[in-house]
Amino acid sequence: SFKTFIDNWNIQTGVWLKMVCYDRAPRYATALTFVLSALWHGV
């Protein structure tokens, strides 16, 4: 599954995204995490 792949790839970046964004977003956590991940990766 896509989720299993992502959970095993770049694991510590996933931990960081969860720590600073997903667990703290008041709403739309998935969308905001996606935006932060995209910005962090580059342009």
PDB file of all heavy atoms in Angstrom:
ATOM      1  N   SER A   1       0.847  -1.190   0.000  1.00  0.00           N
ATOM      2  CA  SER A   1       0.000   0.000   0.000  1.00  0.00           C
ATOM      3  C   SER A   1       0.879   1.236   0.000  1.00  0.00           C
ATOM      4  O   SER A   1       2.051   1.187   0.393  1.00  0.00           O
ATOM      5  CB  SER A   1      -0.932   0.025   1.214  1.00  0.00           C
ATOM      6  OG  SER A   1      -0.194   0.256   2.404  1.00  0.00           O
ATOM      7  N   PHE A   2       0.297   2.341  -0.438  1.00  0.00           N
ATOM      8  CA  PHE A   2       1.010   3.615  -0.421  1.00  0.00           C
ATOM      9  C   PHE A   2       1.445   3.968   0.987  1.00  0.00           C
ATOM     10  O   PHE A   2       2.565   4.437   1.214  1.00  0.00           O
ATOM     11  CB  PHE A   2       0.085   4.706  -0.979  1.00  0.00           C
ATOM     12  CG  PHE A   2       0.650   5.424  -2.167  1.00  0.00           C
ATOM     13  CD1 PHE A   2       0.966   4.735  -3.332  1.00  0.00           C
ATOM     14  CD2 PHE A   2       0.873   6.787  -2.134  1.00  0.00           C
ATOM     15  CE1 PHE A   2       1.491   5.385  -4.431  1.00  0.00           C
ATOM     16  CE2 PHE A   2       1.397   7.445  -3.221  1.00  0.00           C
ATOM     17  CZ  PHE A   2       1.703   6.751  -4.374  1.00  0.00           C
ATOM     18  N   LYS A   3       0.545   3.753   1.950  1.00  0.00           N
ATOM     19  CA  LYS A   3       0.843   4.118   3.333  1.00  0.00           C
ATOM     20  C   LYS A   3       2.032   3.335   3.876  1.00  0.00           C
ATOM     21  O   LYS A   3       2.908   3.908   4.540  1.00  0.00           O
ATOM     22  CB  LYS A   3      -0.380   3.890   4.213  1.00  0.00           C
ATOM     23  CG  LYS A   3      -0.166   4.295   5.673  1.00  0.00           C
ATOM     24  CD  LYS A   3      -1.386   4.019   6.516  1.00  0.00           C
ATOM     25  CE  LYS A   3      -1.181   4.535   7.949  1.00  0.00           C
ATOM     26  NZ  LYS A   3       0.013   3.958   8.596  1.00  0.00           N
ATOM     27  N   THR A   4       2.047   2.026   3.596  1.00  0.00           N
ATOM     28  CA  THR A   4       3.152   1.204   4.076  1.00  0.00           C
ATOM     29  C   THR A   4       4.470   1.678   3.487  1.00  0.00           C
ATOM     30  O   THR A   4       5.494   1.741   4.194  1.00  0.00           O
ATOM     31  CB  THR A   4       2.919  -0.268   3.712  1.00  0.00           C
ATOM     32  OG1 THR A   4       1.677  -0.697   4.274  1.00  0.00           O
ATOM     33  CG2 THR A   4       4.044  -1.147   4.249  1.00  0.00           C
ATOM     34  N   PHE A   5       4.464   2.009   2.211  1.00  0.00           N
ATOM     35  CA  PHE A   5       5.683   2.514   1.572  1.00  0.00           C
ATOM     36  C   PHE A   5       6.155   3.792   2.262  1.00  0.00           C
ATOM     37  O   PHE A   5       7.336   3.921   2.623  1.00  0.00           O
ATOM     38  CB  PHE A   5       5.415   2.771   0.093  1.00  0.00           C
ATOM     39  CG  PHE A   5       6.641   3.174  -0.686  1.00  0.00           C
ATOM     40  CD1 PHE A   5       7.370   2.232  -1.407  1.00  0.00           C
ATOM     41  CD2 PHE A   5       7.089   4.494  -0.693  1.00  0.00           C
ATOM     42  CE1 PHE A   5       8.505   2.601  -2.115  1.00  0.00           C
ATOM     43  CE2 PHE A   5       8.224   4.872  -1.399  1.00  0.00           C
ATOM     44  CZ  PHE A   5       8.929   3.922  -2.108  1.00  0.00           C
ATOM     45  N   ILE A   6       5.249   4.742   2.438  1.00  0.00           N
ATOM     46  CA  ILE A   6       5.609   6.030   3.034  1.00  0.00           C
ATOM     47  C   ILE A   6       6.082   5.857   4.468  1.00  0.00           C
ATOM     48  O   ILE A   6       7.027   6.526   4.914  1.00  0.00           O
ATOM     49  CB  ILE A   6       4.411   6.996   2.962  1.00  0.00           C
ATOM     50  CG1 ILE A   6       4.120   7.343   1.499  1.00  0.00           C
ATOM     51  CG2 ILE A   6       4.671   8.258   3.766  1.00  0.00           C
ATOM     52  CD1 ILE A   6       2.835   8.124   1.298  1.00  0.00           C
ATOM     53  N   ASP A   7       5.443   4.941   5.214  1.00  0.00           N
ATOM     54  CA  ASP A   7       5.823   4.715   6.614  1.00  0.00           C
ATOM     55  C   ASP A   7       7.238   4.168   6.746  1.00  0.00           C
ATOM     56  O   ASP A   7       7.855   4.288   7.818  1.00  0.00           O
ATOM     57  CB  ASP A   7       4.845   3.751   7.279  1.00  0.00           C
ATOM     58  CG  ASP A   7       3.493   4.388   7.553  1.00  0.00           C
ATOM     59  OD1 ASP A   7       3.399   5.622   7.469  1.00  0.00           O
ATOM     60  OD2 ASP A   7       2.532   3.648   7.830  1.00  0.00           O
ATOM     61  N   ASN A   8       7.757   3.548   5.713  1.00  0.00           N
ATOM     62  CA  ASN A   8       9.087   2.950   5.762  1.00  0.00           C
ATOM     63  C   ASN A   8      10.147   3.750   5.012  1.00  0.00           C
ATOM     64  O   ASN A   8      11.300   3.326   4.949  1.00  0.00           O
ATOM     65  CB  ASN A   8       9.030   1.520   5.204  1.00  0.00           C
ATOM     66  CG  ASN A   8       8.313   0.557   6.114  1.00  0.00           C
ATOM     67  OD1 ASN A   8       8.845   0.111   7.117  1.00  0.00           O
ATOM     68  ND2 ASN A   8       7.059   0.244   5.791  1.00  0.00           N
ATOM     69  N   TRP A   9       9.757   4.876   4.436  1.00  0.00           N
ATOM     70  CA  TRP A   9      10.675   5.693   3.634  1.00  0.00           C
ATOM     71  C   TRP A   9      10.864   7.039   4.318  1.00  0.00           C
ATOM     72  O   TRP A   9       9.907   7.719   4.671  1.00  0.00           O
ATOM     73  CB  TRP A   9      10.113   5.884   2.229  1.00  0.00           C
ATOM     74  CG  TRP A   9      10.933   6.771   1.347  1.00  0.00           C
ATOM     75  CD1 TRP A   9      10.836   8.123   1.212  1.00  0.00           C
ATOM     76  CD2 TRP A   9      11.995   6.374   0.470  1.00  0.00           C
ATOM     77  NE1 TRP A   9      11.755   8.595   0.317  1.00  0.00           N
ATOM     78  CE2 TRP A   9      12.484   7.548  -0.162  1.00  0.00           C
ATOM     79  CE3 TRP A   9      12.569   5.139   0.155  1.00  0.00           C
ATOM     80  CZ2 TRP A   9      13.520   7.513  -1.082  1.00  0.00           C
ATOM     81  CZ3 TRP A   9      13.605   5.116  -0.757  1.00  0.00           C
ATOM     82  CH2 TRP A   9      14.070   6.273  -1.369  1.00  0.00           C
ATOM     83  N   ASN A  10      12.110   7.473   4.498  1.00  0.00           N
ATOM     84  CA  ASN A  10      12.411   8.759   5.129  1.00  0.00           C
ATOM     85  C   ASN A  10      11.641   8.879   6.450  1.00  0.00           C
ATOM     86  O   ASN A  10      10.916   9.856   6.682  1.00  0.00           O
ATOM     87  CB  ASN A  10      12.070   9.910   4.183  1.00  0.00           C
ATOM     88  CG  ASN A  10      12.911  11.146   4.450  1.00  0.00           C
ATOM     89  OD1 ASN A  10      13.691  11.194   5.408  1.00  0.00           O
ATOM     90  ND2 ASN A  10      12.744  12.167   3.631  1.00  0.00           N
ATOM     91  N   ILE A  11      11.826   7.905   7.302  1.00  0.00           N
ATOM     92  CA  ILE A  11      11.031   7.759   8.512  1.00  0.00           C
ATOM     93  C   ILE A  11      11.137   8.972   9.431  1.00  0.00           C
ATOM     94  O   ILE A  11      10.130   9.465   9.956  1.00  0.00           O
ATOM     95  CB  ILE A  11      11.461   6.483   9.270  1.00  0.00           C
ATOM     96  CG1 ILE A  11      11.170   5.240   8.422  1.00  0.00           C
ATOM     97  CG2 ILE A  11      10.766   6.389  10.623  1.00  0.00           C
ATOM     98  CD1 ILE A  11      11.776   3.959   8.972  1.00  0.00           C
ATOM     99  N   GLN A  12      12.344   9.476   9.635  1.00  0.00           N
ATOM    100  CA  GLN A  12      12.527  10.560  10.594  1.00  0.00           C
ATOM    101  C   GLN A  12      11.923  11.870  10.111  1.00  0.00           C
ATOM    102  O   GLN A  12      11.518  12.709  10.930  1.00  0.00           O
ATOM    103  CB  GLN A  12      14.020  10.738  10.907  1.00  0.00           C
ATOM    104  CG  GLN A  12      14.679   9.503  11.499  1.00  0.00           C
ATOM    105  CD  GLN A  12      13.959   8.974  12.716  1.00  0.00           C
ATOM    106  OE1 GLN A  12      13.479   9.740  13.556  1.00  0.00           O
ATOM    107  NE2 GLN A  12      13.881   7.651  12.839  1.00  0.00           N
ATOM    108  N   THR A  13      11.827  12.059   8.801  1.00  0.00           N
ATOM    109  CA  THR A  13      11.117  13.229   8.289  1.00  0.00           C
ATOM    110  C   THR A  13       9.635  13.115   8.606  1.00  0.00           C
ATOM    111  O   THR A  13       8.980  14.109   8.948  1.00  0.00           O
ATOM    112  CB  THR A  13      11.337  13.375   6.781  1.00  0.00           C
ATOM    113  OG1 THR A  13      12.710  13.700   6.538  1.00  0.00           O
ATOM    114  CG2 THR A  13      10.465  14.483   6.199  1.00  0.00           C
ATOM    115  N   GLY A  14       9.091  11.895   8.514  1.00  0.00           N
ATOM    116  CA  GLY A  14       7.704  11.689   8.912  1.00  0.00           C
ATOM    117  C   GLY A  14       7.481  11.991  10.381  1.00  0.00           C
ATOM    118  O   GLY A  14       6.465  12.587  10.764  1.00  0.00           O
ATOM    119  N   VAL A  15       8.441  11.602  11.226  1.00  0.00           N
ATOM    120  CA  VAL A  15       8.352  11.905  12.660  1.00  0.00           C
ATOM    121  C   VAL A  15       8.359  13.408  12.883  1.00  0.00           C
ATOM    122  O   VAL A  15       7.577  13.943  13.690  1.00  0.00           O
ATOM    123  CB  VAL A  15       9.519  11.236  13.419  1.00  0.00           C
ATOM    124  CG1 VAL A  15       9.564  11.704  14.874  1.00  0.00           C
ATOM    125  CG2 VAL A  15       9.407   9.719  13.344  1.00  0.00           C
ATOM    126  N   TRP A  16       9.228  14.105  12.153  1.00  0.00           N
ATOM    127  CA  TRP A  16       9.304  15.566  12.275  1.00  0.00           C
ATOM    128  C   TRP A  16       8.002  16.233  11.846  1.00  0.00           C
ATOM    129  O   TRP A  16       7.479  17.120  12.538  1.00  0.00           O
ATOM    130  CB  TRP A  16      10.473  16.081  11.424  1.00  0.00           C
ATOM    131  CG  TRP A  16      10.499  17.570  11.271  1.00  0.00           C
ATOM    132  CD1 TRP A  16      10.792  18.501  12.235  1.00  0.00           C
ATOM    133  CD2 TRP A  16      10.239  18.316  10.080  1.00  0.00           C
ATOM    134  NE1 TRP A  16      10.723  19.775  11.704  1.00  0.00           N
ATOM    135  CE2 TRP A  16      10.393  19.685  10.388  1.00  0.00           C
ATOM    136  CE3 TRP A  16       9.901  17.959   8.774  1.00  0.00           C
ATOM    137  CZ2 TRP A  16      10.208  20.701   9.445  1.00  0.00           C
ATOM    138  CZ3 TRP A  16       9.722  18.956   7.831  1.00  0.00           C
ATOM    139  CH2 TRP A  16       9.872  20.304   8.158  1.00  0.00           C
ATOM    140  N   LEU A  17       7.460  15.826  10.716  1.00  0.00           N
ATOM    141  CA  LEU A  17       6.205  16.406  10.233  1.00  0.00           C
ATOM    142  C   LEU A  17       5.078  16.179  11.238  1.00  0.00           C
ATOM    143  O   LEU A  17       4.245  17.070  11.471  1.00  0.00           O
ATOM    144  CB  LEU A  17       5.841  15.805   8.881  1.00  0.00           C
ATOM    145  CG  LEU A  17       6.715  16.233   7.698  1.00  0.00           C
ATOM    146  CD1 LEU A  17       6.434  15.354   6.486  1.00  0.00           C
ATOM    147  CD2 LEU A  17       6.482  17.700   7.356  1.00  0.00           C
ATOM    148  N   LYS A  18       5.041  15.008  11.818  1.00  0.00           N
ATOM    149  CA  LYS A  18       4.016  14.714  12.819  1.00  0.00           C
ATOM    150  C   LYS A  18       4.209  15.570  14.061  1.00  0.00           C
ATOM    151  O   LYS A  18       3.241  16.098  14.629  1.00  0.00           O
ATOM    152  CB  LYS A  18       4.077  13.229  13.189  1.00  0.00           C
ATOM    153  CG  LYS A  18       3.034  12.771  14.196  1.00  0.00           C
ATOM    154  CD  LYS A  18       3.140  11.269  14.409  1.00  0.00           C
ATOM    155  CE  LYS A  18       2.060  10.763  15.381  1.00  0.00           C
ATOM    156  NZ  LYS A  18       2.261  11.253  16.747  1.00  0.00           N
ATOM    157  N   MET A  19       5.464  15.737  14.475  1.00  0.00           N
ATOM    158  CA  MET A  19       5.763  16.470  15.700  1.00  0.00           C
ATOM    159  C   MET A  19       5.443  17.959  15.582  1.00  0.00           C
ATOM    160  O   MET A  19       4.876  18.562  16.496  1.00  0.00           O
ATOM    161  CB  MET A  19       7.238  16.283  16.069  1.00  0.00           C
ATOM    162  CG  MET A  19       7.723  17.105  17.251  1.00  0.00           C
ATOM    163  SD  MET A  19       7.102  16.547  18.839  1.00  0.00           S
ATOM    164  CE  MET A  19       7.995  15.010  19.037  1.00  0.00           C
ATOM    165  N   VAL A  20       5.805  18.581  14.461  1.00  0.00           N
ATOM    166  CA  VAL A  20       5.683  20.036  14.356  1.00  0.00           C
ATOM    167  C   VAL A  20       4.424  20.490  13.642  1.00  0.00           C
ATOM    168  O   VAL A  20       4.091  21.682  13.697  1.00  0.00           O
ATOM    169  CB  VAL A  20       6.912  20.648  13.653  1.00  0.00           C
ATOM    170  CG1 VAL A  20       8.197  20.253  14.349  1.00  0.00           C
ATOM    171  CG2 VAL A  20       6.958  20.273  12.172  1.00  0.00           C
ATOM    172  N   CYS A  21       3.724  19.582  12.965  1.00  0.00           N
ATOM    173  CA  CYS A  21       2.563  20.021  12.193  1.00  0.00           C
ATOM    174  C   CYS A  21       1.325  19.169  12.457  1.00  0.00           C
ATOM    175  O   CYS A  21       0.320  19.670  12.956  1.00  0.00           O
ATOM    176  CB  CYS A  21       2.902  20.025  10.704  1.00  0.00           C
ATOM    177  SG  CYS A  21       1.585  20.673   9.651  1.00  0.00           S
ATOM    178  N   TYR A  22       1.381  17.896  12.123  1.00  0.00           N
ATOM    179  CA  TYR A  22       0.167  17.077  12.123  1.00  0.00           C
ATOM    180  C   TYR A  22      -0.502  17.032  13.494  1.00  0.00           C
ATOM    181  O   TYR A  22      -1.720  17.185  13.612  1.00  0.00           O
ATOM    182  CB  TYR A  22       0.501  15.654  11.654  1.00  0.00           C
ATOM    183  CG  TYR A  22      -0.723  14.806  11.425  1.00  0.00           C
ATOM    184  CD1 TYR A  22      -1.398  14.844  10.219  1.00  0.00           C
ATOM    185  CD2 TYR A  22      -1.207  13.976  12.436  1.00  0.00           C
ATOM    186  CE1 TYR A  22      -2.541  14.075  10.011  1.00  0.00           C
ATOM    187  CE2 TYR A  22      -2.347  13.205  12.241  1.00  0.00           C
ATOM    188  CZ  TYR A  22      -3.002  13.258  11.032  1.00  0.00           C
ATOM    189  OH  TYR A  22      -4.136  12.503  10.837  1.00  0.00           O
ATOM    190  N   ASP A  23       0.289  16.821  14.546  1.00  0.00           N
ATOM    191  CA  ASP A  23      -0.278  16.705  15.886  1.00  0.00           C
ATOM    192  C   ASP A  23      -0.738  18.045  16.456  1.00  0.00           C
ATOM    193  O   ASP A  23      -1.392  18.070  17.508  1.00  0.00           O
ATOM    194  CB  ASP A  23       0.741  16.088  16.847  1.00  0.00           C
ATOM    195  CG  ASP A  23       0.903  14.592  16.641  1.00  0.00           C
ATOM    196  OD1 ASP A  23       0.067  14.001  15.933  1.00  0.00           O
ATOM    197  OD2 ASP A  23       1.879  14.024  17.171  1.00  0.00           O
ATOM    198  N   ARG A  24      -0.399  19.149  15.798  1.00  0.00           N
ATOM    199  CA  ARG A  24      -0.690  20.470  16.356  1.00  0.00           C
ATOM    200  C   ARG A  24      -1.724  21.250  15.555  1.00  0.00           C
ATOM    201  O   ARG A  24      -2.195  22.294  16.020  1.00  0.00           O
ATOM    202  CB  ARG A  24       0.608  21.284  16.457  1.00  0.00           C
ATOM    203  CG  ARG A  24       1.667  20.602  17.317  1.00  0.00           C
ATOM    204  CD  ARG A  24       2.988  21.344  17.287  1.00  0.00           C
ATOM    205  NE  ARG A  24       4.044  20.550  17.908  1.00  0.00           N
ATOM    206  CZ  ARG A  24       4.314  20.545  19.220  1.00  0.00           C
ATOM    207  NH1 ARG A  24       3.620  21.294  20.029  1.00  0.00           N
ATOM    208  NH2 ARG A  24       5.285  19.795  19.702  1.00  0.00           N
ATOM    209  N   ALA A  25      -2.019  20.796  14.364  1.00  0.00           N
ATOM    210  CA  ALA A  25      -2.964  21.522  13.518  1.00  0.00           C
ATOM    211  C   ALA A  25      -4.372  21.449  14.111  1.00  0.00           C
ATOM    212  O   ALA A  25      -4.862  20.367  14.421  1.00  0.00           O
ATOM    213  CB  ALA A  25      -2.961  20.942  12.110  1.00  0.00           C
ATOM    214  N   PRO A  26      -5.057  22.581  14.271  1.00  0.00           N
ATOM    215  CA  PRO A  26      -6.412  22.549  14.823  1.00  0.00           C
ATOM    216  C   PRO A  26      -7.406  21.901  13.869  1.00  0.00           C
ATOM    217  O   PRO A  26      -8.426  21.368  14.284  1.00  0.00           O
ATOM    218  CB  PRO A  26      -6.733  24.026  15.054  1.00  0.00           C
ATOM    219  CG  PRO A  26      -5.853  24.759  14.101  1.00  0.00           C
ATOM    220  CD  PRO A  26      -4.600  23.954  13.992  1.00  0.00           C
ATOM    221  N   ARG A  27      -7.117  21.963  12.573  1.00  0.00           N
ATOM    222  CA  ARG A  27      -7.954  21.334  11.556  1.00  0.00           C
ATOM    223  C   ARG A  27      -7.152  21.198  10.265  1.00  0.00           C
ATOM    224  O   ARG A  27      -6.080  21.782  10.138  1.00  0.00           O
ATOM    225  CB  ARG A  27      -9.221  22.144  11.303  1.00  0.00           C
ATOM    226  CG  ARG A  27      -8.960  23.587  10.855  1.00  0.00           C
ATOM    227  CD  ARG A  27     -10.243  24.385  10.753  1.00  0.00           C
ATOM    228  NE  ARG A  27     -10.858  24.531  12.073  1.00  0.00           N
ATOM    229  CZ  ARG A  27     -12.052  25.095  12.272  1.00  0.00           C
ATOM    230  NH1 ARG A  27     -12.761  25.513  11.248  1.00  0.00           N
ATOM    231  NH2 ARG A  27     -12.528  25.215  13.487  1.00  0.00           N
ATOM    232  N   TYR A  28      -7.660  20.390   9.353  1.00  0.00           N
ATOM    233  CA  TYR A  28      -7.002  20.153   8.065  1.00  0.00           C
ATOM    234  C   TYR A  28      -5.544  19.712   8.259  1.00  0.00           C
ATOM    235  O   TYR A  28      -4.634  20.180   7.577  1.00  0.00           O
ATOM    236  CB  TYR A  28      -7.065  21.395   7.170  1.00  0.00           C
ATOM    237  CG  TYR A  28      -8.439  22.002   7.075  1.00  0.00           C
ATOM    238  CD1 TYR A  28      -8.671  23.324   7.463  1.00  0.00           C
ATOM    239  CD2 TYR A  28      -9.511  21.249   6.605  1.00  0.00           C
ATOM    240  CE1 TYR A  28      -9.931  23.885   7.384  1.00  0.00           C
ATOM    241  CE2 TYR A  28     -10.787  21.795   6.526  1.00  0.00           C
ATOM    242  CZ  TYR A  28     -10.992  23.116   6.917  1.00  0.00           C
ATOM    243  OH  TYR A  28     -12.250  23.652   6.845  1.00  0.00           O
ATOM    244  N   ALA A  29      -5.338  18.823   9.216  1.00  0.00           N
ATOM    245  CA  ALA A  29      -3.970  18.415   9.560  1.00  0.00           C
ATOM    246  C   ALA A  29      -3.258  17.784   8.374  1.00  0.00           C
ATOM    247  O   ALA A  29      -2.083  18.074   8.128  1.00  0.00           O
ATOM    248  CB  ALA A  29      -4.002  17.440  10.736  1.00  0.00           C
ATOM    249  N   THR A  30      -3.952  16.932   7.628  1.00  0.00           N
ATOM    250  CA  THR A  30      -3.310  16.264   6.498  1.00  0.00           C
ATOM    251  C   THR A  30      -2.893  17.260   5.433  1.00  0.00           C
ATOM    252  O   THR A  30      -1.771  17.201   4.913  1.00  0.00           O
ATOM    253  CB  THR A  30      -4.269  15.213   5.900  1.00  0.00           C
ATOM    254  OG1 THR A  30      -4.589  14.248   6.898  1.00  0.00           O
ATOM    255  CG2 THR A  30      -3.615  14.507   4.718  1.00  0.00           C
ATOM    256  N   ALA A  31      -3.769  18.198   5.096  1.00  0.00           N
ATOM    257  CA  ALA A  31      -3.456  19.190   4.066  1.00  0.00           C
ATOM    258  C   ALA A  31      -2.295  20.080   4.490  1.00  0.00           C
ATOM    259  O   ALA A  31      -1.385  20.368   3.695  1.00  0.00           O
ATOM    260  CB  ALA A  31      -4.687  20.037   3.758  1.00  0.00           C
ATOM    261  N   LEU A  32      -2.305  20.531   5.740  1.00  0.00           N
ATOM    262  CA  LEU A  32      -1.227  21.402   6.212  1.00  0.00           C
ATOM    263  C   LEU A  32       0.106  20.661   6.264  1.00  0.00           C
ATOM    264  O   LEU A  32       1.156  21.237   5.960  1.00  0.00           O
ATOM    265  CB  LEU A  32      -1.578  21.954   7.597  1.00  0.00           C
ATOM    266  CG  LEU A  32      -2.715  22.972   7.634  1.00  0.00           C
ATOM    267  CD1 LEU A  32      -3.078  23.333   9.066  1.00  0.00           C
ATOM    268  CD2 LEU A  32      -2.343  24.231   6.845  1.00  0.00           C
ATOM    269  N   THR A  33       0.059  19.395   6.649  1.00  0.00           N
ATOM    270  CA  THR A  33       1.281  18.599   6.667  1.00  0.00           C
ATOM    271  C   THR A  33       1.826  18.426   5.253  1.00  0.00           C
ATOM    272  O   THR A  33       3.033  18.486   5.024  1.00  0.00           O
ATOM    273  CB  THR A  33       1.022  17.233   7.311  1.00  0.00           C
ATOM    274  OG1 THR A  33       0.503  17.424   8.627  1.00  0.00           O
ATOM    275  CG2 THR A  33       2.295  16.417   7.390  1.00  0.00           C
ATOM    276  N   PHE A  34       0.933  18.207   4.300  1.00  0.00           N
ATOM    277  CA  PHE A  34       1.333  18.103   2.903  1.00  0.00           C
ATOM    278  C   PHE A  34       2.014  19.391   2.430  1.00  0.00           C
ATOM    279  O   PHE A  34       3.053  19.356   1.764  1.00  0.00           O
ATOM    280  CB  PHE A  34       0.100  17.811   2.028  1.00  0.00           C
ATOM    281  CG  PHE A  34       0.304  18.117   0.571  1.00  0.00           C
ATOM    282  CD1 PHE A  34       0.992  17.249  -0.255  1.00  0.00           C
ATOM    283  CD2 PHE A  34      -0.199  19.283   0.027  1.00  0.00           C
ATOM    284  CE1 PHE A  34       1.188  17.533  -1.590  1.00  0.00           C
ATOM    285  CE2 PHE A  34      -0.019  19.585  -1.308  1.00  0.00           C
ATOM    286  CZ  PHE A  34       0.683  18.699  -2.122  1.00  0.00           C
ATOM    287  N   VAL A  35       1.443  20.540   2.779  1.00  0.00           N
ATOM    288  CA  VAL A  35       2.024  21.823   2.364  1.00  0.00           C
ATOM    289  C   VAL A  35       3.410  22.003   2.965  1.00  0.00           C
ATOM    290  O   VAL A  35       4.364  22.395   2.273  1.00  0.00           O
ATOM    291  CB  VAL A  35       1.097  22.985   2.777  1.00  0.00           C
ATOM    292  CG1 VAL A  35       1.793  24.326   2.556  1.00  0.00           C
ATOM    293  CG2 VAL A  35      -0.207  22.937   1.985  1.00  0.00           C
ATOM    294  N   LEU A  36       3.559  21.718   4.260  1.00  0.00           N
ATOM    295  CA  LEU A  36       4.861  21.861   4.903  1.00  0.00           C
ATOM    296  C   LEU A  36       5.882  20.916   4.282  1.00  0.00           C
ATOM    297  O   LEU A  36       7.030  21.308   4.028  1.00  0.00           O
ATOM    298  CB  LEU A  36       4.740  21.579   6.402  1.00  0.00           C
ATOM    299  CG  LEU A  36       6.050  21.606   7.205  1.00  0.00           C
ATOM    300  CD1 LEU A  36       6.723  22.970   7.083  1.00  0.00           C
ATOM    301  CD2 LEU A  36       5.799  21.261   8.671  1.00  0.00           C
ATOM    302  N   SER A  37       5.489  19.679   4.024  1.00  0.00           N
ATOM    303  CA  SER A  37       6.403  18.720   3.400  1.00  0.00           C
ATOM    304  C   SER A  37       6.855  19.207   2.026  1.00  0.00           C
ATOM    305  O   SER A  37       8.033  19.111   1.679  1.00  0.00           O
ATOM    306  CB  SER A  37       5.718  17.355   3.279  1.00  0.00           C
ATOM    307  OG  SER A  37       6.562  16.424   2.645  1.00  0.00           O
ATOM    308  N   ALA A  38       5.915  19.739   1.241  1.00  0.00           N
ATOM    309  CA  ALA A  38       6.258  20.232  -0.091  1.00  0.00           C
ATOM    310  C   ALA A  38       7.237  21.405  -0.006  1.00  0.00           C
ATOM    311  O   ALA A  38       8.228  21.458  -0.739  1.00  0.00           O
ATOM    312  CB  ALA A  38       4.991  20.646  -0.829  1.00  0.00           C
ATOM    313  N   LEU A  39       6.980  22.347   0.895  1.00  0.00           N
ATOM    314  CA  LEU A  39       7.866  23.496   1.044  1.00  0.00           C
ATOM    315  C   LEU A  39       9.250  23.068   1.521  1.00  0.00           C
ATOM    316  O   LEU A  39      10.265  23.606   1.068  1.00  0.00           O
ATOM    317  CB  LEU A  39       7.263  24.499   2.034  1.00  0.00           C
ATOM    318  CG  LEU A  39       6.040  25.277   1.556  1.00  0.00           C
ATOM    319  CD1 LEU A  39       5.470  26.109   2.696  1.00  0.00           C
ATOM    320  CD2 LEU A  39       6.407  26.181   0.373  1.00  0.00           C
ATOM    321  N   TRP A  40       9.288  22.114   2.429  1.00  0.00           N
ATOM    322  CA  TRP A  40      10.577  21.657   2.960  1.00  0.00           C
ATOM    323  C   TRP A  40      11.401  20.973   1.885  1.00  0.00           C
ATOM    324  O   TRP A  40      12.614  21.166   1.813  1.00  0.00           O
ATOM    325  CB  TRP A  40      10.336  20.702   4.135  1.00  0.00           C
ATOM    326  CG  TRP A  40      11.588  20.116   4.705  1.00  0.00           C
ATOM    327  CD1 TRP A  40      12.474  20.726   5.558  1.00  0.00           C
ATOM    328  CD2 TRP A  40      12.114  18.804   4.450  1.00  0.00           C
ATOM    329  NE1 TRP A  40      13.507  19.871   5.857  1.00  0.00           N
ATOM    330  CE2 TRP A  40      13.316  18.683   5.192  1.00  0.00           C
ATOM    331  CE3 TRP A  40      11.689  17.728   3.683  1.00  0.00           C
ATOM    332  CZ2 TRP A  40      14.089  17.534   5.178  1.00  0.00           C
ATOM    333  CZ3 TRP A  40      12.458  16.568   3.672  1.00  0.00           C
ATOM    334  CH2 TRP A  40      13.637  16.479   4.403  1.00  0.00           C
ATOM    335  N   HIS A  41      10.767  20.180   1.034  1.00  0.00           N
ATOM    336  CA  HIS A  41      11.512  19.480  -0.007  1.00  0.00           C
ATOM    337  C   HIS A  41      12.124  20.434  -1.015  1.00  0.00           C
ATOM    338  O   HIS A  41      13.196  20.157  -1.558  1.00  0.00           O
ATOM    339  CB  HIS A  41      10.603  18.478  -0.730  1.00  0.00           C
ATOM    340  CG  HIS A  41      10.489  17.165  -0.027  1.00  0.00           C
ATOM    341  ND1 HIS A  41       9.500  16.897   0.894  1.00  0.00           N
ATOM    342  CD2 HIS A  41      11.250  16.044  -0.097  1.00  0.00           C
ATOM    343  CE1 HIS A  41       9.652  15.667   1.360  1.00  0.00           C
ATOM    344  NE2 HIS A  41      10.702  15.125   0.789  1.00  0.00           N
ATOM    345  N   GLY A  42      11.470  21.541  -1.303  1.00  0.00           N
ATOM    346  CA  GLY A  42      12.066  22.503  -2.227  1.00  0.00           C
ATOM    347  C   GLY A  42      11.073  23.034  -3.228  1.00  0.00           C
ATOM    348  O   GLY A  42       9.864  22.836  -3.120  1.00  0.00           O
ATOM    349  N   VAL A  43      11.592  23.708  -4.237  1.00  0.00           N
ATOM    350  CA  VAL A  43      10.741  24.380  -5.208  1.00  0.00           C
ATOM    351  C   VAL A  43      10.870  23.792  -6.610  1.00  0.00           C
ATOM    352  O   VAL A  43      10.361  24.363  -7.565  1.00  0.00           O
ATOM    353  CB  VAL A  43      11.053  25.893  -5.252  1.00  0.00           C
ATOM    354  CG1 VAL A  43      10.714  26.550  -3.921  1.00  0.00           C
ATOM    355  CG2 VAL A  43      12.526  26.137  -5.591  1.00  0.00           C
TER     356      VAL A  43
END
